[in-house]
Amino acid sequence: MSLVSSPLSHAGQTRGASAQNTVRAMELGQHVMAASLTSVGVVRAIGMGTEAAAAIIAGVAVGTWHVAGVILPSRSPTSRSVVGWLIGFALVWAAAVAVSAEFVWLSFLLWLLAGHLLPLRWGLAFSGVVFGVVVAAPILHYQTSSYADVFGPLIGGVFAFGISRGYLQLLHDAAERERLVASLTKAHEETSELQDELALAQRHSGAIAERTRISRDIHDTIAQSLSSIRLVSHAEAARTSDPVAARTLGQVEALAGDGLADVRRIISALAPAELEDDALASALRRMLERVSKETGLQTELHVDDTLPILPTDVEVALLRTAQSAVGNVRQHASATRIDMSLIDADDSVRLDIVDDGIGFDVTAWEQAGDASSSYGLWFMRSRLRELGGGLDIESAAGEGSAVSAHLPIHRTSQENP
């Protein structure tokens, strides 16, 4: 990196290959222009009667200063060092103009450099000083001037400065486009991961629902029938006086009891163990474990034991809300801990996400409306409202944030056996 190229190179560090190639092409053009205009100045100065030694020394001085800015290493060039180099370049050029007016050709390079090295206001002031030197040069050397000596450099200077500023704007626009592309790519990757999580959650939820249905069907049919057979056999064995019949009824009662015990073990294996770890909770737990592993954040998940099996659309909405909220914490909160709770709130389910980060002004965010940069929160709220729920936010500067998503659920008799 060099003092000459550092502003463009530094501005292009976060850009892609195309922007970097554009920056290098502009730097190369700058160096070629410097060499060409310096050579033109030396040749024309000698042709106009300036001593060859003086013209060559002036040209070498200009070229040396420019080359010094190219080859001097600077790991972290500051605006002060860049501006200092540009001012020094202008002073060396002014000295060359004092030797011969033909070195005014280098003013076009100075206007280009001013356009991309200086802020607009200071660039205009610097360009005005350069223009003054250009207009004064023929008067000082030849005691004469013309409209061409004034309006030619003026038009060329405006064009050079405008081209430089416009080129910078194009580079900034390219950088913004590539930043947006990178953001969209990342969002696509996160969406793919989310879809995988949702697919797993849906499969898990479907498996739980099916196993629960089978266990309840077995309980309500086979188990009840075996229990009835056992009770009837016991009652009839007590009333009969026939020892053979009593022995047979006792065997039937024992067989029914053994069958009922087996059925209960099957029901126990099908339902309770799975219901302790439902699909949404599993997906949230995996997400928090991954976040903790990637960022070092302390995470904890609390799930109410009474939480019923949720409809798929509710699980999807809550999982997406959790993904977005945790993503906001990772990017903006500077937090060290995330606590998440999945709460059974009677006819609704609530997902609370609390962090200990820097917080933000909720009132200002609400007043900003859709113009706010926090689109994620608006998208979360919109998604939840579509399902009849909502999103509550509590936060203050330095006090962390709490996000609470709630959705209605419709319990059935099967969910409360």
Protein backbone atom coordinates (compact mmCIF):
# COMPACT_ATOMS: atom_id res chain seq x y z
CA MET A 1 0.00 0.00 0.00
CA SER A 2 1.20 3.54 -0.70
CA LEU A 3 0.31 7.10 0.17
CA VAL A 4 -0.90 7.67 -3.37
CA SER A 5 -3.03 4.55 -3.69
CA SER A 6 -4.07 4.10 -0.06
CA PRO A 7 -7.32 6.11 -0.15
CA LEU A 8 -8.74 4.01 -2.96
CA SER A 9 -7.21 0.75 -1.74
CA HIS A 10 -8.38 1.37 1.80
CA ALA A 11 -11.87 2.19 0.56
CA GLY A 12 -11.89 -1.00 -1.50
CA GLN A 13 -10.75 -3.44 1.16
CA THR A 14 -14.24 -4.74 1.73
CA ARG A 15 -15.15 -4.95 -1.94
CA GLY A 16 -15.14 -7.86 -4.27
CA ALA A 17 -12.73 -8.75 -7.04
CA SER A 18 -14.40 -6.50 -9.64
CA ALA A 19 -14.16 -3.42 -7.42
CA GLN A 20 -10.56 -4.24 -6.53
CA ASN A 21 -9.69 -4.54 -10.24
CA THR A 22 -11.32 -1.17 -10.86
CA VAL A 23 -9.29 0.42 -8.07
CA ARG A 24 -6.05 -1.02 -9.44
CA ALA A 25 -6.92 0.21 -12.95
CA MET A 26 -7.49 3.74 -11.61
CA GLU A 27 -4.20 3.68 -9.70
CA LEU A 28 -2.34 2.53 -12.83
CA GLY A 29 -3.99 5.28 -14.85
CA GLN A 30 -2.92 7.81 -12.24
CA HIS A 31 0.72 6.71 -12.43
CA VAL A 32 0.72 6.69 -16.26
CA MET A 33 -0.81 10.17 -16.28
CA ALA A 34 1.82 11.46 -13.84
CA ALA A 35 4.67 10.10 -15.96
CA SER A 36 3.16 11.34 -19.22
CA LEU A 37 2.35 14.87 -18.03
CA THR A 38 5.75 15.25 -16.38
CA SER A 39 7.46 14.17 -19.60
CA VAL A 40 5.33 16.59 -21.63
CA GLY A 41 6.22 19.39 -19.24
CA VAL A 42 9.96 18.71 -19.49
CA VAL A 43 9.91 18.44 -23.29
CA ARG A 44 7.80 21.59 -23.79
CA ALA A 45 9.85 23.53 -21.24
CA ILE A 46 13.04 22.75 -23.13
CA GLY A 47 11.30 23.57 -26.40
CA MET A 48 10.22 26.96 -25.04
CA GLY A 49 13.76 27.93 -24.15
CA THR A 50 14.11 26.77 -20.54
CA GLU A 51 17.54 25.40 -19.72
CA ALA A 52 17.52 21.66 -20.17
CA ALA A 53 19.14 21.02 -16.78
CA ALA A 54 16.56 23.16 -14.95
CA ALA A 55 13.66 21.56 -16.82
CA ILE A 56 14.95 18.05 -16.16
CA ILE A 57 15.61 18.77 -12.47
CA ALA A 58 12.07 20.17 -12.10
CA GLY A 59 10.62 17.12 -13.84
CA VAL A 60 12.69 14.72 -11.72
CA ALA A 61 11.58 16.52 -8.54
CA VAL A 62 7.92 16.17 -9.50
CA GLY A 63 8.34 12.53 -10.52
CA THR A 64 10.36 11.69 -7.40
CA TRP A 65 7.73 13.13 -5.08
CA HIS A 66 4.98 11.21 -6.86
CA VAL A 67 6.99 7.97 -6.87
CA ALA A 68 7.79 8.46 -3.18
CA GLY A 69 4.08 8.41 -2.46
CA VAL A 70 3.78 5.19 -4.44
CA ILE A 71 6.65 3.22 -2.92
CA LEU A 72 6.65 4.46 0.68
CA PRO A 73 4.95 1.71 2.74
CA SER A 74 2.15 2.66 5.07
CA ARG A 75 0.29 -0.06 6.91
CA SER A 76 -2.45 2.27 8.12
CA PRO A 77 -2.30 5.53 6.16
CA THR A 78 -4.07 8.38 7.92
CA SER A 79 -5.92 11.24 6.28
CA ARG A 80 -3.30 13.61 7.68
CA SER A 81 -0.41 11.79 5.98
CA VAL A 82 -2.29 11.62 2.67
CA VAL A 83 -3.22 15.32 2.76
CA GLY A 84 0.37 16.17 3.72
CA TRP A 85 1.67 14.24 0.72
CA LEU A 86 -0.79 16.00 -1.61
CA ILE A 87 0.14 19.46 -0.31
CA GLY A 88 3.83 18.61 -0.71
CA PHE A 89 3.16 17.43 -4.26
CA ALA A 90 1.38 20.72 -5.01
CA LEU A 91 4.35 22.73 -3.63
CA VAL A 92 6.85 20.76 -5.71
CA TRP A 93 4.62 21.29 -8.76
CA ALA A 94 4.41 25.04 -8.03
CA ALA A 95 8.20 25.17 -7.90
CA ALA A 96 8.33 23.38 -11.27
CA VAL A 97 5.84 25.91 -12.68
CA ALA A 98 8.17 28.67 -11.46
CA VAL A 99 10.88 27.10 -13.64
CA SER A 100 8.58 26.78 -16.68
CA ALA A 101 4.91 27.50 -17.31
CA GLU A 102 4.75 24.28 -19.33
CA PHE A 103 4.48 22.25 -16.12
CA VAL A 104 0.92 23.57 -15.67
CA TRP A 105 -0.15 20.41 -17.50
CA LEU A 106 0.29 18.53 -14.22
CA SER A 107 -2.59 20.56 -12.77
CA PHE A 108 -5.02 18.00 -14.26
CA LEU A 109 -3.43 15.28 -12.13
CA LEU A 110 -3.69 17.51 -9.06
CA TRP A 111 -7.38 18.11 -9.72
CA LEU A 112 -7.98 14.38 -10.06
CA LEU A 113 -6.10 13.69 -6.83
CA ALA A 114 -7.99 16.45 -5.02
CA GLY A 115 -11.26 14.88 -6.12
CA HIS A 116 -10.60 11.52 -4.47
CA LEU A 117 -8.19 12.39 -1.65
CA LEU A 118 -9.95 15.40 -0.11
CA PRO A 119 -13.46 16.09 1.19
CA LEU A 120 -15.58 18.06 -1.25
CA ARG A 121 -15.17 21.46 0.42
CA TRP A 122 -11.41 21.20 0.85
CA GLY A 123 -11.05 19.63 -2.59
CA LEU A 124 -12.75 22.65 -4.16
CA ALA A 125 -10.54 25.07 -2.21
CA PHE A 126 -7.40 23.16 -3.18
CA SER A 127 -8.49 23.07 -6.82
CA GLY A 128 -9.11 26.82 -6.73
CA VAL A 129 -5.54 27.46 -5.55
CA VAL A 130 -4.18 25.21 -8.30
CA PHE A 131 -6.28 27.06 -10.86
CA GLY A 132 -4.87 30.37 -9.61
CA VAL A 133 -1.33 29.09 -10.15
CA VAL A 134 -2.25 27.89 -13.66
CA VAL A 135 -3.71 31.29 -14.62
CA ALA A 136 -0.79 33.22 -13.11
CA ALA A 137 1.96 31.08 -14.74
CA PRO A 138 1.82 32.50 -18.30
CA ILE A 139 1.58 36.05 -16.95
CA LEU A 140 4.69 35.57 -14.79
CA HIS A 141 6.70 33.90 -17.53
CA TYR A 142 5.48 35.59 -20.71
CA GLN A 143 3.83 38.78 -19.37
CA THR A 144 0.73 37.90 -21.33
CA SER A 145 -2.37 35.72 -21.11
CA SER A 146 -5.41 34.82 -23.17
CA TYR A 147 -8.93 33.54 -22.80
CA ALA A 148 -7.64 30.07 -23.68
CA ASP A 149 -5.16 30.26 -20.80
CA VAL A 150 -8.09 30.87 -18.42
CA PHE A 151 -11.12 28.99 -19.78
CA GLY A 152 -9.19 25.97 -21.07
CA PRO A 153 -7.80 25.03 -17.62
CA LEU A 154 -11.10 26.02 -16.00
CA ILE A 155 -13.11 23.63 -18.15
CA GLY A 156 -10.46 20.92 -17.87
CA GLY A 157 -10.25 21.35 -14.10
CA VAL A 158 -14.01 21.13 -13.62
CA PHE A 159 -14.08 18.05 -15.83
CA ALA A 160 -11.15 16.36 -14.02
CA PHE A 161 -12.49 17.14 -10.55
CA GLY A 162 -16.02 16.04 -11.51
CA ILE A 163 -14.76 12.82 -13.08
CA SER A 164 -12.79 12.00 -9.94
CA ARG A 165 -15.74 12.66 -7.62
CA GLY A 166 -18.08 10.72 -9.89
CA TYR A 167 -15.67 7.79 -10.02
CA LEU A 168 -15.50 7.73 -6.24
CA GLN A 169 -19.29 7.69 -6.07
CA LEU A 170 -19.37 4.78 -8.50
CA LEU A 171 -16.90 2.89 -6.30
CA HIS A 172 -18.98 3.60 -3.23
CA ASP A 173 -22.12 2.44 -5.05
CA ALA A 174 -20.33 -0.72 -6.15
CA ALA A 175 -19.23 -1.35 -2.58
CA GLU A 176 -22.79 -0.86 -1.35
CA ARG A 177 -24.12 -3.27 -3.99
CA GLU A 178 -21.57 -5.90 -3.05
CA ARG A 179 -22.35 -5.39 0.62
CA LEU A 180 -26.03 -5.94 -0.13
CA VAL A 181 -25.21 -9.02 -2.21
CA ALA A 182 -23.11 -10.38 0.65
CA SER A 183 -25.95 -9.64 3.06
CA LEU A 184 -28.46 -11.39 0.79
CA THR A 185 -26.12 -14.36 0.43
CA LYS A 186 -25.77 -14.62 4.18
CA ALA A 187 -29.54 -14.30 4.59
CA HIS A 188 -30.02 -17.07 2.01
CA GLU A 189 -27.62 -19.31 3.91
CA GLU A 190 -29.40 -18.57 7.18
CA THR A 191 -32.74 -19.26 5.49
CA SER A 192 -31.44 -22.60 4.26
CA GLU A 193 -30.31 -23.49 7.76
CA LEU A 194 -33.68 -22.37 9.10
CA GLN A 195 -35.50 -24.52 6.56
CA ASP A 196 -33.44 -27.51 7.67
CA GLU A 197 -34.34 -26.76 11.28
CA LEU A 198 -38.00 -26.38 10.37
CA ALA A 199 -38.02 -29.60 8.38
CA LEU A 200 -36.47 -31.44 11.31
CA ALA A 201 -38.92 -29.80 13.69
CA GLN A 202 -41.87 -30.76 11.50
CA ARG A 203 -40.67 -34.37 11.21
CA HIS A 204 -40.11 -34.52 14.94
CA SER A 205 -43.50 -32.95 15.61
CA GLY A 206 -45.23 -35.34 13.21
CA ALA A 207 -43.54 -38.34 14.81
CA ILE A 208 -44.56 -37.22 18.29
CA ALA A 209 -48.14 -36.58 17.22
CA GLU A 210 -48.41 -40.00 15.58
CA ARG A 211 -46.90 -41.87 18.51
CA THR A 212 -49.18 -39.99 20.89
CA ARG A 213 -52.23 -40.89 18.79
CA ILE A 214 -51.27 -44.57 18.68
CA SER A 215 -50.64 -44.69 22.44
CA ARG A 216 -54.01 -43.09 23.15
CA ASP A 217 -55.81 -45.39 20.73
CA ILE A 218 -54.22 -48.42 22.40
CA HIS A 219 -55.16 -47.06 25.81
CA ASP A 220 -58.76 -46.37 24.81
CA THR A 221 -59.35 -49.69 23.04
CA ILE A 222 -57.08 -52.66 23.80
CA ALA A 223 -56.15 -51.57 27.33
CA GLN A 224 -59.77 -50.90 28.23
CA SER A 225 -60.88 -54.23 26.77
CA LEU A 226 -58.22 -56.20 28.66
CA SER A 227 -59.12 -54.37 31.86
CA SER A 228 -62.80 -55.25 31.35
CA ILE A 229 -61.96 -58.93 30.65
CA ARG A 230 -59.90 -59.07 33.83
CA LEU A 231 -62.69 -57.57 35.95
CA VAL A 232 -65.39 -59.83 34.46
CA SER A 233 -63.24 -62.98 34.91
CA HIS A 234 -62.51 -62.10 38.52
CA ALA A 235 -66.18 -61.47 39.27
CA GLU A 236 -67.38 -64.71 37.61
CA ALA A 237 -64.66 -66.79 39.29
CA ALA A 238 -65.90 -65.56 42.65
CA ARG A 239 -69.53 -66.54 41.91
CA THR A 240 -69.05 -69.98 40.29
CA SER A 241 -69.01 -73.22 42.33
CA ASP A 242 -67.48 -75.25 39.52
CA PRO A 243 -63.75 -75.68 40.33
CA VAL A 244 -62.82 -76.25 36.66
CA ALA A 245 -64.64 -73.07 35.58
CA ALA A 246 -63.13 -71.14 38.47
CA ARG A 247 -59.65 -72.31 37.50
CA THR A 248 -60.26 -71.38 33.84
CA LEU A 249 -61.61 -67.94 34.76
CA GLY A 250 -58.57 -67.42 36.98
CA GLN A 251 -56.30 -68.23 34.04
CA VAL A 252 -58.24 -65.78 31.84
CA GLU A 253 -57.87 -63.10 34.54
CA ALA A 254 -54.12 -63.71 34.79
CA LEU A 255 -53.67 -63.63 31.02
CA ALA A 256 -55.67 -60.40 30.78
CA GLY A 257 -53.57 -58.90 33.59
CA ASP A 258 -50.33 -59.87 31.82
CA GLY A 259 -51.64 -58.44 28.54
CA LEU A 260 -52.70 -55.22 30.27
CA ALA A 261 -49.23 -54.85 31.81
CA ASP A 262 -47.63 -55.33 28.40
CA VAL A 263 -49.97 -52.77 26.83
CA ARG A 264 -49.13 -50.24 29.53
CA ARG A 265 -45.41 -50.73 28.91
CA ILE A 266 -46.00 -50.14 25.18
CA ILE A 267 -48.00 -46.97 25.92
CA SER A 268 -45.27 -45.76 28.25
CA ALA A 269 -42.59 -46.37 25.61
CA LEU A 270 -44.60 -44.61 22.91
CA ALA A 271 -45.71 -41.43 24.60
CA PRO A 272 -44.14 -40.00 27.77
CA ALA A 273 -40.43 -40.06 26.87
CA GLU A 274 -41.01 -38.32 23.55
CA LEU A 275 -43.44 -35.80 24.94
CA GLU A 276 -40.83 -34.57 27.40
CA ASP A 277 -38.76 -33.26 24.48
CA ASP A 278 -41.03 -31.79 21.78
CA ALA A 279 -39.91 -30.62 18.35
CA LEU A 280 -39.83 -26.84 18.95
CA ALA A 281 -37.90 -27.13 22.19
CA SER A 282 -35.37 -29.41 20.50
CA ALA A 283 -34.87 -26.95 17.64
CA LEU A 284 -34.45 -24.03 20.04
CA ARG A 285 -32.01 -25.99 22.15
CA ARG A 286 -29.88 -26.92 19.14
CA MET A 287 -29.89 -23.30 17.96
CA LEU A 288 -28.73 -21.98 21.34
CA GLU A 289 -26.04 -24.65 21.59
CA ARG A 290 -24.74 -23.63 18.16
CA VAL A 291 -24.77 -19.93 19.07
CA SER A 292 -22.92 -20.62 22.32
CA LYS A 293 -20.29 -22.66 20.48
CA GLU A 294 -19.79 -20.04 17.76
CA THR A 295 -19.81 -16.86 19.89
CA GLY A 296 -19.07 -17.90 23.47
CA LEU A 297 -22.42 -16.48 24.66
CA GLN A 298 -23.93 -18.15 27.72
CA THR A 299 -27.35 -19.51 26.79
CA GLU A 300 -30.17 -21.17 28.70
CA LEU A 301 -33.56 -22.51 27.65
CA HIS A 302 -36.55 -22.96 29.97
CA VAL A 303 -39.58 -24.95 28.76
CA ASP A 304 -42.81 -25.36 30.73
CA ASP A 305 -43.65 -29.00 31.43
CA THR A 306 -47.33 -28.33 30.70
CA LEU A 307 -46.70 -26.98 27.20
CA PRO A 308 -48.90 -28.91 24.74
CA ILE A 309 -47.94 -30.09 21.27
CA LEU A 310 -48.18 -26.97 19.11
CA PRO A 311 -49.54 -26.62 15.57
CA THR A 312 -46.86 -26.58 12.88
CA ASP A 313 -47.53 -22.97 11.87
CA VAL A 314 -47.12 -21.83 15.47
CA GLU A 315 -43.85 -23.74 15.86
CA VAL A 316 -42.54 -22.30 12.58
CA ALA A 317 -43.41 -18.72 13.58
CA LEU A 318 -41.83 -19.06 17.03
CA LEU A 319 -38.68 -20.68 15.65
CA ARG A 320 -38.26 -17.93 13.07
CA THR A 321 -38.82 -15.29 15.73
CA ALA A 322 -36.16 -16.91 17.91
CA GLN A 323 -33.73 -17.05 14.98
CA SER A 324 -34.24 -13.36 14.19
CA ALA A 325 -34.05 -12.24 17.82
CA VAL A 326 -30.87 -14.21 18.51
CA GLY A 327 -29.39 -12.88 15.26
CA ASN A 328 -30.07 -9.31 16.46
CA VAL A 329 -28.38 -10.05 19.79
CA ARG A 330 -25.30 -11.46 18.02
CA GLN A 331 -24.96 -8.49 15.68
CA HIS A 332 -25.97 -5.50 17.79
CA ALA A 333 -26.31 -6.19 21.51
CA SER A 334 -22.71 -6.89 22.64
CA ALA A 335 -24.27 -9.28 25.14
CA THR A 336 -22.71 -12.06 27.19
CA ARG A 337 -25.85 -14.06 27.96
CA ILE A 338 -29.16 -15.06 26.36
CA ASP A 339 -32.04 -16.55 28.37
CA MET A 340 -34.93 -18.05 26.42
CA SER A 341 -38.22 -19.31 27.87
CA LEU A 342 -41.05 -21.22 26.20
CA ILE A 343 -44.08 -20.65 28.40
CA ASP A 344 -47.53 -22.25 28.55
CA ALA A 345 -49.89 -19.26 29.02
CA ASP A 346 -53.26 -21.05 29.08
CA ASP A 347 -54.78 -20.37 25.65
CA SER A 348 -51.54 -19.02 24.22
CA VAL A 349 -47.84 -19.83 24.08
CA ARG A 350 -45.18 -17.23 24.86
CA LEU A 351 -41.54 -17.13 23.82
CA ASP A 352 -39.35 -14.77 25.88
CA ILE A 353 -35.78 -13.89 24.81
CA VAL A 354 -33.76 -11.81 27.27
CA ASP A 355 -30.18 -10.57 26.85
CA ASP A 356 -27.80 -8.50 28.99
CA GLY A 357 -26.51 -6.34 26.13
CA ILE A 358 -26.33 -2.60 25.55
CA GLY A 359 -30.04 -2.21 24.91
CA PHE A 360 -31.69 0.52 22.83
CA ASP A 361 -34.37 3.22 22.99
CA VAL A 362 -37.66 1.43 22.28
CA THR A 363 -39.62 4.70 22.08
CA ALA A 364 -37.30 6.07 19.39
CA TRP A 365 -37.55 2.78 17.50
CA GLU A 366 -41.35 2.83 17.64
CA GLN A 367 -41.45 6.45 16.43
CA ALA A 368 -39.06 5.70 13.57
CA GLY A 369 -41.57 3.19 12.23
CA ASP A 370 -40.67 1.34 9.04
CA ALA A 371 -37.91 3.88 8.40
CA SER A 372 -35.95 2.28 11.22
CA SER A 373 -32.94 0.16 10.35
CA SER A 374 -34.24 -2.58 12.70
CA TYR A 375 -36.29 -4.30 10.03
CA GLY A 376 -35.93 -7.66 11.78
CA LEU A 377 -38.12 -6.58 14.68
CA TRP A 378 -40.80 -5.27 12.32
CA PHE A 379 -40.74 -8.49 10.32
CA MET A 380 -41.09 -10.54 13.52
CA ARG A 381 -44.04 -8.47 14.70
CA SER A 382 -45.72 -8.66 11.27
CA ARG A 383 -45.33 -12.46 11.08
CA LEU A 384 -46.79 -12.95 14.55
CA ARG A 385 -49.73 -10.62 13.91
CA GLU A 386 -50.66 -12.65 10.82
CA LEU A 387 -51.27 -15.59 13.18
CA GLY A 388 -53.21 -13.50 15.70
CA GLY A 389 -50.28 -12.93 18.08
CA GLY A 390 -47.92 -10.09 18.80
CA LEU A 391 -44.48 -8.98 19.88
CA ASP A 392 -43.67 -7.00 23.04
CA ILE A 393 -40.28 -5.30 23.46
CA GLU A 394 -38.68 -3.89 26.60
CA SER A 395 -35.25 -2.26 26.54
CA ALA A 396 -33.23 0.67 27.78
CA ALA A 397 -29.71 1.87 27.11
CA GLY A 398 -27.25 -0.19 29.11
CA GLU A 399 -29.94 -2.46 30.56
CA GLY A 400 -30.26 -5.18 27.95
CA SER A 401 -33.38 -6.13 26.02
CA ALA A 402 -36.37 -8.44 26.45
CA VAL A 403 -38.45 -9.65 23.50
CA SER A 404 -41.69 -11.53 24.12
CA ALA A 405 -43.57 -13.23 21.28
CA HIS A 406 -47.04 -14.66 21.95
CA LEU A 407 -49.39 -16.72 19.79
CA PRO A 408 -52.83 -18.23 20.49
CA ILE A 409 -53.20 -22.01 20.56
CA HIS A 410 -56.34 -24.14 20.45
CA ARG A 411 -56.28 -27.04 22.85
CA THR A 412 -58.23 -30.19 22.10
CA SER A 413 -59.49 -32.82 24.45
CA GLN A 414 -56.67 -35.09 23.34
CA GLU A 415 -54.13 -32.58 24.56
CA ASN A 416 -55.58 -32.84 28.06
CA PRO A 417 -56.15 -36.57 28.61
